[in-house]
Amino acid sequence: MSPKRWPTTVCAVMLLLAMASLPAASQAPVAVDGQIGPDEYGGQATFDDGGFVLHWRIENDTFYLAMEANTEGWVSIGIEPEARMQGADMLFGWVNDDGTADAADCYATDDWGEHPPDEELGGSHDILRVAGSESSGRTVIELARPLNTGDSYDRDIPTVGETVVIWGYGSRDGYLGKHRAAGLATIDLVGGASSVAESPRIWPVHAATTGLAFICILVGALIAKYGRRKRWWLKAHRILTGIGSGVGLIGVVVGWLMVAAAGTGHWRGPHAYLGAALALCLAATPALGIVQLKVKPAIGRRLRPIHRWLGRISLSLMTVQVVLGALMVLGTI
């Protein structure tokens, strides 16, 4: 290289080194304004066929979170549950009737979803900012909280590796209403969306089996009451009520599996307790009907009223369960 070119070469090298040493341009700060802008968040995960979308970003020592869902009620995530919902750091948000947004910093104290605010447990409210909006039946909530709050009822937001979260949304404002949809996922809060494992939506199977069981048992009972003059009444009664009881028990099992998959815990509310009672009646009624035909006539006559009352109780419980199930799907209860 010619000595005359050394000064130019040295200057170019020094300029490149200086440019390399400059800090990278930082992203614009997240605007917690209730509107999710393009490229505002680094991570995103979609659940419930687009019914719930989660956005997040970590900036310095702050965790920014945005949730949007097909509801005009609350939206929420729970961070790092221990089992089902137990121990989850719950963050709720909703838009009030006057257009203002509120948020609740809660903690799940048991596996079936009791989640009082941290302050009621001796902790602190650590949501720094919250904003939200509602449009065309869809709610958007944005909030910010520190990565590490120092509150024993909060989970530290990890900056390395994957994080287990539960998500959900309901039809009412606040943080106490029943969820309309919920699920479980594993996401990477730093690198973006990771493996997302949603709970299967099997409630239509539960509704179909219990509905079919109700129809079969009802028709079988009507035949026993009004069709005794027909030679085939007993056979038809046994077939229909047997199918109804079997399908009904399948519906109860599917309901149990559905709750287990959703992670909300069993024995929660009257629907669960009445379902257990219904399962016992569905098993006992046909069994007693068979027994009364196998024993001595005198004993059979004593068992017959019990069999009939168990059938009536089964129909009554199924009617109540159908109504309760419909109200739960609609988010009314």
Protein backbone atom coordinates (compact mmCIF):
# COMPACT_ATOMS: atom_id res chain seq x y z
CA MET A 1 0.00 0.00 0.00
CA SER A 2 1.30 3.41 -0.89
CA PRO A 3 2.34 5.55 2.09
CA LYS A 4 0.16 8.31 0.66
CA ARG A 5 -2.94 6.18 1.24
CA TRP A 6 -2.18 5.29 4.89
CA PRO A 7 -3.90 8.36 6.39
CA THR A 8 -7.08 7.65 4.38
CA THR A 9 -7.07 3.97 5.35
CA VAL A 10 -6.47 4.73 9.01
CA CYS A 11 -9.30 7.26 9.07
CA ALA A 12 -11.68 4.76 7.44
CA VAL A 13 -10.82 2.05 9.96
CA MET A 14 -11.25 4.46 12.87
CA LEU A 15 -14.64 5.55 11.48
CA LEU A 16 -15.82 1.94 11.19
CA LEU A 17 -14.68 1.18 14.74
CA ALA A 18 -16.48 4.26 16.05
CA MET A 19 -19.70 3.30 14.28
CA ALA A 20 -19.49 -0.24 15.63
CA SER A 21 -19.09 1.07 19.16
CA LEU A 22 -22.25 3.18 18.97
CA PRO A 23 -25.27 1.69 20.84
CA ALA A 24 -27.99 0.20 18.66
CA ALA A 25 -30.98 2.39 18.12
CA SER A 26 -33.59 1.51 20.68
CA GLN A 27 -37.22 0.84 19.83
CA ALA A 28 -39.78 3.49 20.50
CA PRO A 29 -41.35 3.00 23.94
CA VAL A 30 -44.65 1.14 24.18
CA ALA A 31 -47.59 3.50 24.27
CA VAL A 32 -49.96 2.15 26.92
CA ASP A 33 -53.00 3.77 25.34
CA GLY A 34 -55.43 0.90 24.73
CA GLN A 35 -54.49 0.63 21.05
CA ILE A 36 -52.08 -2.03 19.73
CA GLY A 37 -49.92 -0.44 17.08
CA PRO A 38 -47.98 -2.28 14.36
CA ASP A 39 -44.65 -3.67 15.60
CA GLU A 40 -45.36 -2.25 19.06
CA TYR A 41 -44.77 -5.60 20.74
CA GLY A 42 -42.08 -8.18 20.14
CA GLY A 43 -44.03 -11.33 21.01
CA GLN A 44 -47.48 -12.57 20.09
CA ALA A 45 -49.54 -15.73 20.60
CA THR A 46 -53.07 -16.45 19.38
CA PHE A 47 -55.57 -18.71 21.15
CA ASP A 48 -59.19 -19.82 20.78
CA ASP A 49 -59.12 -19.43 16.99
CA GLY A 50 -58.32 -15.75 17.36
CA GLY A 51 -60.75 -15.22 20.22
CA PHE A 52 -57.85 -14.25 22.49
CA VAL A 53 -54.55 -12.71 21.37
CA LEU A 54 -51.64 -12.04 23.71
CA HIS A 55 -48.88 -9.49 22.99
CA TRP A 56 -45.83 -8.76 25.14
CA ARG A 57 -42.53 -6.92 25.28
CA ILE A 58 -39.75 -6.57 27.82
CA GLU A 59 -38.05 -3.18 27.92
CA ASN A 60 -35.37 -2.45 30.50
CA ASP A 61 -36.96 -3.48 33.81
CA THR A 62 -40.60 -3.29 32.67
CA PHE A 63 -42.93 -5.95 31.31
CA TYR A 64 -45.48 -4.64 28.82
CA LEU A 65 -48.55 -6.76 28.13
CA ALA A 66 -51.49 -6.40 25.77
CA MET A 67 -54.53 -8.67 25.65
CA GLU A 68 -57.36 -8.58 23.13
CA ALA A 69 -60.40 -10.86 23.15
CA ASN A 70 -63.89 -11.30 21.72
CA THR A 71 -65.66 -10.00 24.80
CA GLU A 72 -66.89 -6.84 26.45
CA GLY A 73 -65.88 -8.18 29.85
CA TRP A 74 -62.58 -9.05 31.49
CA VAL A 75 -59.40 -10.47 29.97
CA SER A 76 -56.59 -12.10 31.93
CA ILE A 77 -53.43 -14.13 32.03
CA GLY A 78 -51.87 -16.09 34.89
CA ILE A 79 -48.10 -16.43 35.03
CA GLU A 80 -46.41 -19.68 36.11
CA PRO A 81 -49.19 -21.63 37.89
CA GLU A 82 -47.99 -24.44 40.13
CA ALA A 83 -50.88 -26.82 39.45
CA ARG A 84 -53.95 -25.95 37.40
CA MET A 85 -54.40 -22.34 38.65
CA GLN A 86 -52.75 -22.68 42.06
CA GLY A 87 -50.02 -20.10 42.60
CA ALA A 88 -50.54 -18.20 39.35
CA ASP A 89 -49.73 -14.48 39.26
CA MET A 90 -52.99 -13.21 37.76
CA LEU A 91 -53.29 -9.97 35.76
CA PHE A 92 -56.84 -8.86 34.89
CA GLY A 93 -58.06 -5.95 32.82
CA TRP A 94 -61.43 -4.62 31.66
CA VAL A 95 -63.09 -1.49 30.26
CA ASN A 96 -65.81 0.15 32.33
CA ASP A 97 -69.09 1.45 30.96
CA ASP A 98 -67.69 5.01 30.97
CA GLY A 99 -64.76 3.96 28.77
CA THR A 100 -62.10 3.99 31.48
CA ALA A 101 -59.91 0.92 31.98
CA ASP A 102 -59.17 -0.88 35.23
CA ALA A 103 -56.79 -3.69 36.16
CA ALA A 104 -56.40 -6.08 39.07
CA ASP A 105 -53.17 -7.67 40.32
CA CYS A 106 -54.33 -10.99 41.82
CA TYR A 107 -52.99 -14.31 43.07
CA ALA A 108 -54.62 -17.74 42.64
CA THR A 109 -54.83 -19.24 46.11
CA ASP A 110 -56.15 -22.66 45.05
CA ASP A 111 -56.33 -24.89 42.01
CA TRP A 112 -59.99 -24.14 41.23
CA GLY A 113 -59.42 -20.45 40.67
CA GLU A 114 -59.97 -18.31 43.78
CA HIS A 115 -57.87 -15.24 43.00
CA PRO A 116 -58.15 -12.34 45.47
CA PRO A 117 -56.14 -9.16 44.84
CA ASP A 118 -52.61 -9.22 46.21
CA GLU A 119 -53.45 -6.39 48.61
CA GLU A 120 -56.06 -8.56 50.36
CA LEU A 121 -53.36 -11.16 50.99
CA GLY A 122 -50.84 -8.66 52.37
CA GLY A 123 -49.11 -7.97 49.07
CA SER A 124 -49.15 -4.90 46.83
CA HIS A 125 -50.77 -3.68 43.63
CA ASP A 126 -47.88 -3.57 41.15
CA ILE A 127 -49.53 -2.66 37.84
CA LEU A 128 -47.86 0.59 36.81
CA ARG A 129 -50.17 1.68 33.99
CA VAL A 130 -53.31 0.38 32.30
CA ALA A 131 -55.36 1.49 29.31
CA GLY A 132 -58.08 -0.16 27.29
CA SER A 133 -60.69 0.14 24.59
CA GLU A 134 -63.78 -1.68 23.33
CA SER A 135 -64.99 -1.84 19.75
CA SER A 136 -67.36 -4.20 17.90
CA GLY A 137 -67.52 -6.63 20.79
CA ARG A 138 -63.74 -6.88 21.20
CA THR A 139 -61.78 -5.63 24.21
CA VAL A 140 -58.16 -4.47 24.19
CA ILE A 141 -56.22 -4.05 27.43
CA GLU A 142 -52.63 -2.79 27.71
CA LEU A 143 -50.73 -2.71 30.98
CA ALA A 144 -47.23 -2.44 32.39
CA ARG A 145 -45.62 -3.86 35.53
CA PRO A 146 -42.05 -4.28 36.79
CA LEU A 147 -40.18 -7.45 35.88
CA ASN A 148 -39.42 -7.96 39.57
CA THR A 149 -41.86 -6.43 42.03
CA GLY A 150 -40.53 -7.82 45.31
CA ASP A 151 -44.07 -8.95 46.13
CA SER A 152 -44.29 -12.58 47.25
CA TYR A 153 -47.64 -12.85 45.42
CA ASP A 154 -46.09 -11.90 42.07
CA ARG A 155 -43.96 -14.01 39.77
CA ASP A 156 -40.72 -12.56 38.48
CA ILE A 157 -40.90 -12.20 34.71
CA PRO A 158 -38.09 -14.38 33.29
CA THR A 159 -35.71 -12.91 30.72
CA VAL A 160 -34.41 -16.33 29.64
CA GLY A 161 -36.27 -19.50 28.64
CA GLU A 162 -39.93 -20.41 28.43
CA THR A 163 -42.84 -19.47 30.67
CA VAL A 164 -46.09 -21.29 31.37
CA VAL A 165 -49.18 -19.08 31.31
CA ILE A 166 -52.91 -19.59 31.60
CA TRP A 167 -55.26 -17.26 29.76
CA GLY A 168 -58.96 -16.55 29.84
CA TYR A 169 -61.72 -14.04 29.25
CA GLY A 170 -65.24 -13.55 30.57
CA SER A 171 -68.42 -11.64 29.86
CA ARG A 172 -68.50 -9.30 32.86
CA ASP A 173 -66.36 -6.38 33.92
CA GLY A 174 -64.17 -6.94 36.98
CA TYR A 175 -62.18 -10.00 37.96
CA LEU A 176 -64.77 -12.28 39.60
CA GLY A 177 -66.95 -13.48 36.72
CA LYS A 178 -66.83 -16.95 35.20
CA HIS A 179 -64.55 -17.39 32.22
CA ARG A 180 -66.10 -17.89 28.80
CA ALA A 181 -62.92 -19.46 27.39
CA ALA A 182 -59.61 -20.42 28.95
CA GLY A 183 -56.46 -22.37 28.19
CA LEU A 184 -52.84 -23.16 28.91
CA ALA A 185 -49.74 -22.22 26.90
CA THR A 186 -45.96 -22.17 27.01
CA ILE A 187 -44.41 -19.03 25.54
CA ASP A 188 -41.00 -17.42 25.24
CA LEU A 189 -41.33 -13.91 26.66
CA VAL A 190 -37.98 -12.81 25.24
CA GLY A 191 -37.68 -14.55 21.89
CA GLY A 192 -41.34 -14.39 20.88
CA ALA A 193 -44.12 -16.95 20.72
CA SER A 194 -43.05 -20.49 21.54
CA SER A 195 -44.89 -23.79 21.63
CA VAL A 196 -48.53 -23.05 22.31
CA ALA A 197 -50.53 -25.95 23.75
CA GLU A 198 -54.20 -25.14 24.06
CA SER A 199 -56.73 -27.21 25.92
CA PRO A 200 -59.08 -29.02 23.56
CA ARG A 201 -62.56 -27.57 23.23
CA ILE A 202 -64.72 -30.56 24.04
CA TRP A 203 -67.72 -28.83 25.58
CA PRO A 204 -69.82 -29.45 22.42
CA VAL A 205 -69.32 -33.19 22.97
CA HIS A 206 -70.39 -32.78 26.59
CA ALA A 207 -73.48 -30.80 25.53
CA ALA A 208 -74.40 -33.27 22.78
CA THR A 209 -74.10 -36.38 24.95
CA THR A 210 -76.05 -34.94 27.87
CA GLY A 211 -78.72 -33.58 25.50
CA LEU A 212 -79.14 -36.94 23.78
CA ALA A 213 -79.29 -38.70 27.14
CA PHE A 214 -82.04 -36.34 28.32
CA ILE A 215 -84.14 -37.00 25.22
CA CYS A 216 -83.75 -40.79 25.45
CA ILE A 217 -84.62 -40.94 29.14
CA LEU A 218 -87.56 -38.57 28.72
CA VAL A 219 -89.05 -40.60 25.85
CA GLY A 220 -88.44 -43.83 27.75
CA ALA A 221 -90.24 -42.44 30.80
CA LEU A 222 -93.20 -41.27 28.70
CA ILE A 223 -93.50 -44.73 27.13
CA ALA A 224 -93.52 -46.32 30.60
CA LYS A 225 -96.27 -43.96 31.72
CA TYR A 226 -98.53 -43.80 28.69
CA GLY A 227 -97.62 -46.79 26.53
CA ARG A 228 -98.17 -49.73 28.84
CA ARG A 229 -100.97 -51.12 26.67
CA LYS A 230 -98.45 -51.78 23.92
CA ARG A 231 -96.67 -55.12 23.98
CA TRP A 232 -93.37 -53.52 23.12
CA TRP A 233 -93.44 -50.83 25.82
CA LEU A 234 -91.10 -52.56 28.27
CA LYS A 235 -88.52 -53.40 25.62
CA ALA A 236 -88.60 -49.86 24.22
CA HIS A 237 -88.44 -48.40 27.73
CA ARG A 238 -85.40 -50.50 28.65
CA ILE A 239 -83.56 -49.74 25.39
CA LEU A 240 -84.15 -45.99 25.49
CA THR A 241 -83.43 -45.50 29.18
CA GLY A 242 -80.40 -47.79 28.95
CA ILE A 243 -78.99 -45.79 26.05
CA GLY A 244 -79.84 -42.56 27.84
CA SER A 245 -78.11 -43.63 31.05
CA GLY A 246 -75.02 -44.86 29.21
CA VAL A 247 -74.69 -41.76 27.04
CA GLY A 248 -75.40 -39.57 30.07
CA LEU A 249 -72.55 -41.19 32.01
CA ILE A 250 -70.30 -40.60 29.01
CA GLY A 251 -71.37 -36.96 29.09
CA VAL A 252 -70.43 -36.73 32.77
CA VAL A 253 -66.99 -38.22 32.06
CA VAL A 254 -66.47 -35.82 29.14
CA GLY A 255 -67.41 -32.94 31.43
CA TRP A 256 -64.88 -34.10 33.99
CA LEU A 257 -62.19 -34.32 31.31
CA MET A 258 -63.17 -30.89 30.00
CA VAL A 259 -62.72 -29.27 33.40
CA ALA A 260 -59.42 -31.10 33.94
CA ALA A 261 -58.13 -29.89 30.56
CA ALA A 262 -59.17 -26.31 31.26
CA GLY A 263 -57.31 -26.39 34.57
CA THR A 264 -60.10 -24.69 36.50
CA GLY A 265 -60.57 -27.44 39.05
CA HIS A 266 -63.48 -29.75 39.85
CA TRP A 267 -66.16 -29.29 42.52
CA ARG A 268 -66.67 -25.69 41.57
CA GLY A 269 -70.25 -24.49 41.70
CA PRO A 270 -73.65 -26.23 41.63
CA HIS A 271 -73.18 -27.60 38.09
CA ALA A 272 -70.35 -29.83 39.32
CA TYR A 273 -72.14 -31.11 42.42
CA LEU A 274 -75.40 -31.74 40.59
CA GLY A 275 -73.42 -33.54 37.89
CA ALA A 276 -72.00 -35.95 40.46
CA ALA A 277 -75.48 -36.61 41.86
CA LEU A 278 -76.79 -37.14 38.34
CA ALA A 279 -74.06 -39.69 37.61
CA LEU A 280 -75.12 -41.74 40.64
CA CYS A 281 -78.77 -41.61 39.58
CA LEU A 282 -77.94 -42.56 35.98
CA ALA A 283 -76.04 -45.60 37.22
CA ALA A 284 -78.54 -46.64 39.91
CA THR A 285 -81.82 -46.23 37.98
CA PRO A 286 -81.29 -48.82 35.19
CA ALA A 287 -79.51 -51.16 37.59
CA LEU A 288 -82.51 -51.11 39.93
CA GLY A 289 -84.84 -51.57 36.97
CA ILE A 290 -83.03 -54.78 35.99
CA VAL A 291 -82.90 -56.04 39.57
CA GLN A 292 -86.63 -55.62 40.14
CA LEU A 293 -87.33 -57.93 37.19
CA LYS A 294 -84.94 -60.60 38.45
CA VAL A 295 -85.99 -60.89 42.09
CA LYS A 296 -89.18 -62.28 43.58
CA PRO A 297 -92.36 -60.40 42.63
CA ALA A 298 -92.96 -59.21 46.19
CA ILE A 299 -89.48 -57.67 46.39
CA GLY A 300 -89.83 -56.28 42.87
CA ARG A 301 -93.01 -54.42 43.83
CA ARG A 302 -91.14 -52.75 46.69
CA LEU A 303 -88.26 -51.72 44.44
CA ARG A 304 -90.49 -50.37 41.68
CA PRO A 305 -91.38 -47.04 43.41
CA ILE A 306 -87.69 -46.43 44.15
CA HIS A 307 -86.84 -47.08 40.51
CA ARG A 308 -89.52 -44.65 39.36
CA TRP A 309 -88.43 -41.90 41.76
CA LEU A 310 -84.81 -42.29 40.75
CA GLY A 311 -85.88 -41.86 37.13
CA ARG A 312 -87.84 -38.72 38.00
CA ILE A 313 -84.90 -37.34 39.96
CA SER A 314 -82.60 -38.09 37.01
CA LEU A 315 -84.86 -36.18 34.62
CA SER A 316 -85.14 -33.26 37.05
CA LEU A 317 -81.37 -33.08 37.53
CA MET A 318 -80.77 -33.28 33.79
CA THR A 319 -83.22 -30.44 33.19
CA VAL A 320 -81.46 -28.26 35.74
CA GLN A 321 -78.05 -29.21 34.34
CA VAL A 322 -79.04 -28.33 30.78
CA VAL A 323 -80.18 -24.89 31.94
CA LEU A 324 -77.08 -24.31 34.07
CA GLY A 325 -74.79 -25.48 31.27
CA ALA A 326 -76.44 -23.13 28.77
CA LEU A 327 -76.11 -20.20 31.19
CA MET A 328 -72.43 -21.01 31.73
CA VAL A 329 -71.73 -21.13 27.99
CA LEU A 330 -73.46 -17.77 27.59
CA GLY A 331 -71.39 -16.39 30.45
CA THR A 332 -74.46 -15.48 32.51
CA ILE A 333 -73.23 -17.39 35.55
